[in-house]
Amino acid sequence: MARKIYLSDETLPESLQETLSQVAAQGSDRKDEVVEALSDEQPAKSRFVDSEYVACTWWEGCYYCQDDDKTWHRVKCFR
């Protein structure tokens, strides 16, 4: 079995995972927006998001993307 590689090894708390799933269910997928936002400054990261994540959302200043296993990952924050 191939090992999956993610942008961050940080494990998000279960409560945040649940919140992100709820936010994503209520809004539109923002994956294209994330890919576009990263394309100029971090093209490799942009391609990774495009190929490895199935959906993205925005929550409290950060983009989060979800993998095939339904796990959310923090991709980019604006502070």
N, C-alpha and C. Protein backbone atom coordinates (compact mmCIF):
# COMPACT_ATOMS: atom_id res chain seq x y z
N MET A 1 0.84 -1.18 0.00
CA MET A 1 0.00 0.00 0.00
C MET A 1 0.89 1.24 0.00
N ALA A 2 0.55 2.19 -0.86
CA ALA A 2 1.34 3.42 -0.96
C ALA A 2 1.07 4.31 0.24
N ARG A 3 2.12 4.93 0.71
CA ARG A 3 2.00 5.85 1.85
C ARG A 3 1.52 7.20 1.33
N LYS A 4 0.51 7.76 1.97
CA LYS A 4 0.00 9.07 1.57
C LYS A 4 0.87 10.16 2.17
N ILE A 5 1.09 11.19 1.41
CA ILE A 5 1.88 12.34 1.85
C ILE A 5 0.95 13.54 1.89
N TYR A 6 1.01 14.29 2.98
CA TYR A 6 0.16 15.46 3.14
C TYR A 6 1.02 16.70 3.31
N LEU A 7 0.39 17.84 3.20
CA LEU A 7 1.10 19.11 3.33
C LEU A 7 1.59 19.36 4.74
N SER A 8 0.91 18.77 5.71
CA SER A 8 1.28 18.96 7.10
C SER A 8 1.02 17.68 7.87
N ASP A 9 1.89 17.38 8.81
CA ASP A 9 1.70 16.20 9.66
C ASP A 9 0.78 16.52 10.84
N GLU A 10 0.39 17.77 10.96
CA GLU A 10 -0.46 18.20 12.06
C GLU A 10 -1.80 17.47 12.00
N THR A 11 -2.19 16.89 13.11
CA THR A 11 -3.49 16.25 13.21
C THR A 11 -4.47 17.24 13.81
N LEU A 12 -5.53 17.52 13.08
CA LEU A 12 -6.53 18.46 13.57
C LEU A 12 -7.43 17.76 14.58
N PRO A 13 -7.84 18.47 15.63
CA PRO A 13 -8.72 17.87 16.64
C PRO A 13 -10.03 17.38 16.01
N GLU A 14 -10.60 16.35 16.59
CA GLU A 14 -11.84 15.78 16.08
C GLU A 14 -12.96 16.82 16.03
N SER A 15 -13.00 17.70 17.03
CA SER A 15 -14.04 18.75 17.04
C SER A 15 -13.91 19.67 15.83
N LEU A 16 -12.68 19.99 15.43
CA LEU A 16 -12.47 20.83 14.25
C LEU A 16 -12.81 20.04 12.99
N GLN A 17 -12.46 18.76 12.94
CA GLN A 17 -12.83 17.91 11.80
C GLN A 17 -14.34 17.96 11.58
N GLU A 18 -15.09 17.82 12.67
CA GLU A 18 -16.56 17.83 12.58
C GLU A 18 -17.08 19.19 12.13
N THR A 19 -16.51 20.27 12.69
CA THR A 19 -16.92 21.62 12.30
C THR A 19 -16.67 21.85 10.82
N LEU A 20 -15.51 21.45 10.33
CA LEU A 20 -15.18 21.64 8.91
C LEU A 20 -16.13 20.86 8.01
N SER A 21 -16.49 19.66 8.42
CA SER A 21 -17.45 18.87 7.63
C SER A 21 -18.80 19.56 7.57
N GLN A 22 -19.22 20.16 8.68
CA GLN A 22 -20.49 20.88 8.71
C GLN A 22 -20.43 22.13 7.84
N VAL A 23 -19.34 22.88 7.94
CA VAL A 23 -19.17 24.10 7.13
C VAL A 23 -19.17 23.74 5.65
N ALA A 24 -18.45 22.70 5.29
CA ALA A 24 -18.36 22.29 3.89
C ALA A 24 -19.72 21.83 3.36
N ALA A 25 -20.50 21.16 4.19
CA ALA A 25 -21.81 20.69 3.76
C ALA A 25 -22.78 21.84 3.51
N GLN A 26 -22.57 22.96 4.19
CA GLN A 26 -23.47 24.11 4.06
C GLN A 26 -23.06 25.07 2.95
N GLY A 27 -21.82 24.97 2.47
CA GLY A 27 -21.34 25.90 1.46
C GLY A 27 -20.86 25.19 0.22
N SER A 28 -20.36 25.96 -0.71
CA SER A 28 -19.83 25.38 -1.94
C SER A 28 -18.38 24.96 -1.75
N ASP A 29 -17.96 24.02 -2.56
CA ASP A 29 -16.57 23.55 -2.53
C ASP A 29 -15.65 24.68 -2.99
N ARG A 30 -14.57 24.90 -2.26
CA ARG A 30 -13.65 25.99 -2.58
C ARG A 30 -12.31 25.49 -3.09
N LYS A 31 -12.26 24.25 -3.54
CA LYS A 31 -11.00 23.67 -4.00
C LYS A 31 -10.39 24.49 -5.15
N ASP A 32 -11.19 24.85 -6.15
CA ASP A 32 -10.66 25.64 -7.27
C ASP A 32 -10.10 26.97 -6.80
N GLU A 33 -10.74 27.56 -5.81
CA GLU A 33 -10.28 28.83 -5.23
C GLU A 33 -8.92 28.64 -4.55
N VAL A 34 -8.76 27.55 -3.82
CA VAL A 34 -7.49 27.26 -3.13
C VAL A 34 -6.38 27.05 -4.16
N VAL A 35 -6.67 26.24 -5.16
CA VAL A 35 -5.67 25.96 -6.21
C VAL A 35 -5.24 27.27 -6.88
N GLU A 36 -6.19 28.13 -7.19
CA GLU A 36 -5.88 29.41 -7.82
C GLU A 36 -5.08 30.31 -6.88
N ALA A 37 -5.46 30.35 -5.61
CA ALA A 37 -4.78 31.22 -4.64
C ALA A 37 -3.31 30.81 -4.46
N LEU A 38 -3.04 29.53 -4.58
CA LEU A 38 -1.67 29.04 -4.38
C LEU A 38 -0.85 29.01 -5.67
N SER A 39 -1.48 29.12 -6.81
CA SER A 39 -0.80 28.85 -8.08
C SER A 39 0.42 29.73 -8.35
N ASP A 40 0.37 31.00 -7.98
CA ASP A 40 1.50 31.89 -8.24
C ASP A 40 2.61 31.76 -7.20
N GLU A 41 2.24 31.78 -5.93
CA GLU A 41 3.26 31.80 -4.88
C GLU A 41 3.78 30.41 -4.51
N GLN A 42 2.96 29.38 -4.68
CA GLN A 42 3.37 28.01 -4.31
C GLN A 42 2.81 27.01 -5.33
N PRO A 43 3.35 27.02 -6.56
CA PRO A 43 2.78 26.17 -7.61
C PRO A 43 2.79 24.67 -7.29
N ALA A 44 3.82 24.19 -6.62
CA ALA A 44 3.87 22.76 -6.28
C ALA A 44 2.75 22.41 -5.29
N LYS A 45 2.54 23.28 -4.33
CA LYS A 45 1.48 23.07 -3.34
C LYS A 45 0.11 23.14 -4.03
N SER A 46 -0.03 24.05 -4.97
CA SER A 46 -1.27 24.17 -5.73
C SER A 46 -1.58 22.88 -6.48
N ARG A 47 -0.58 22.32 -7.15
CA ARG A 47 -0.76 21.06 -7.88
C ARG A 47 -1.09 19.92 -6.92
N PHE A 48 -0.46 19.91 -5.76
CA PHE A 48 -0.71 18.88 -4.76
C PHE A 48 -2.17 18.93 -4.30
N VAL A 49 -2.65 20.12 -3.98
CA VAL A 49 -4.04 20.28 -3.56
C VAL A 49 -4.97 19.79 -4.65
N ASP A 50 -4.69 20.17 -5.87
CA ASP A 50 -5.54 19.80 -7.00
C ASP A 50 -5.61 18.28 -7.20
N SER A 51 -4.49 17.61 -6.99
CA SER A 51 -4.46 16.16 -7.26
C SER A 51 -4.80 15.28 -6.05
N GLU A 52 -4.58 15.76 -4.84
CA GLU A 52 -4.70 14.89 -3.66
C GLU A 52 -5.93 15.12 -2.78
N TYR A 53 -6.57 16.24 -2.91
CA TYR A 53 -7.72 16.53 -2.05
C TYR A 53 -9.01 16.53 -2.86
N VAL A 54 -10.10 16.15 -2.21
CA VAL A 54 -11.39 16.04 -2.91
C VAL A 54 -12.27 17.27 -2.71
N ALA A 55 -12.04 18.01 -1.65
CA ALA A 55 -12.86 19.20 -1.37
C ALA A 55 -12.10 20.13 -0.44
N CYS A 56 -12.46 21.41 -0.51
CA CYS A 56 -11.83 22.40 0.37
C CYS A 56 -12.90 23.35 0.90
N THR A 57 -12.59 23.95 2.04
CA THR A 57 -13.49 24.94 2.64
C THR A 57 -12.66 26.02 3.33
N TRP A 58 -13.34 27.06 3.74
CA TRP A 58 -12.72 28.20 4.44
C TRP A 58 -13.31 28.26 5.84
N TRP A 59 -12.44 28.42 6.85
CA TRP A 59 -12.92 28.52 8.23
C TRP A 59 -11.96 29.36 9.04
N GLU A 60 -12.46 30.44 9.60
CA GLU A 60 -11.71 31.30 10.51
C GLU A 60 -10.31 31.65 10.02
N GLY A 61 -10.23 32.13 8.79
CA GLY A 61 -8.96 32.62 8.25
C GLY A 61 -8.06 31.60 7.60
N CYS A 62 -8.54 30.37 7.47
CA CYS A 62 -7.72 29.31 6.87
C CYS A 62 -8.50 28.51 5.84
N TYR A 63 -7.77 28.04 4.84
CA TYR A 63 -8.31 27.05 3.91
C TYR A 63 -7.96 25.67 4.46
N TYR A 64 -8.94 24.78 4.41
CA TYR A 64 -8.75 23.38 4.80
C TYR A 64 -9.23 22.52 3.64
N CYS A 65 -8.53 21.41 3.40
CA CYS A 65 -8.94 20.50 2.34
C CYS A 65 -9.07 19.09 2.89
N GLN A 66 -9.98 18.34 2.28
CA GLN A 66 -10.31 17.00 2.75
C GLN A 66 -9.77 15.96 1.78
N ASP A 67 -9.21 14.89 2.32
CA ASP A 67 -8.68 13.81 1.49
C ASP A 67 -9.75 12.73 1.25
N ASP A 68 -9.37 11.68 0.54
CA ASP A 68 -10.29 10.58 0.23
C ASP A 68 -10.80 9.86 1.47
N ASP A 69 -10.04 9.95 2.56
CA ASP A 69 -10.43 9.28 3.80
C ASP A 69 -11.33 10.16 4.68
N LYS A 70 -11.76 11.31 4.13
CA LYS A 70 -12.62 12.26 4.84
C LYS A 70 -11.92 12.96 6.00
N THR A 71 -10.59 13.05 5.93
CA THR A 71 -9.80 13.75 6.94
C THR A 71 -9.45 15.14 6.41
N TRP A 72 -9.64 16.14 7.25
CA TRP A 72 -9.34 17.52 6.87
C TRP A 72 -7.90 17.87 7.22
N HIS A 73 -7.29 18.72 6.37
CA HIS A 73 -5.92 19.18 6.54
C HIS A 73 -5.88 20.68 6.34
N ARG A 74 -5.13 21.36 7.20
CA ARG A 74 -4.95 22.82 7.04
C ARG A 74 -3.97 23.03 5.89
N VAL A 75 -4.38 23.89 4.94
CA VAL A 75 -3.58 24.11 3.74
C VAL A 75 -2.91 25.48 3.76
N LYS A 76 -3.67 26.51 4.12
CA LYS A 76 -3.12 27.88 4.06
C LYS A 76 -3.93 28.76 4.99
N CYS A 77 -3.24 29.57 5.80
CA CYS A 77 -3.91 30.52 6.68
C CYS A 77 -3.48 31.93 6.33
N PHE A 78 -4.39 32.85 6.52
CA PHE A 78 -4.13 34.27 6.32
C PHE A 78 -4.38 34.96 7.65
N ARG A 79 -3.35 35.48 8.26
CA ARG A 79 -3.47 36.10 9.59
C ARG A 79 -3.10 37.56 9.51
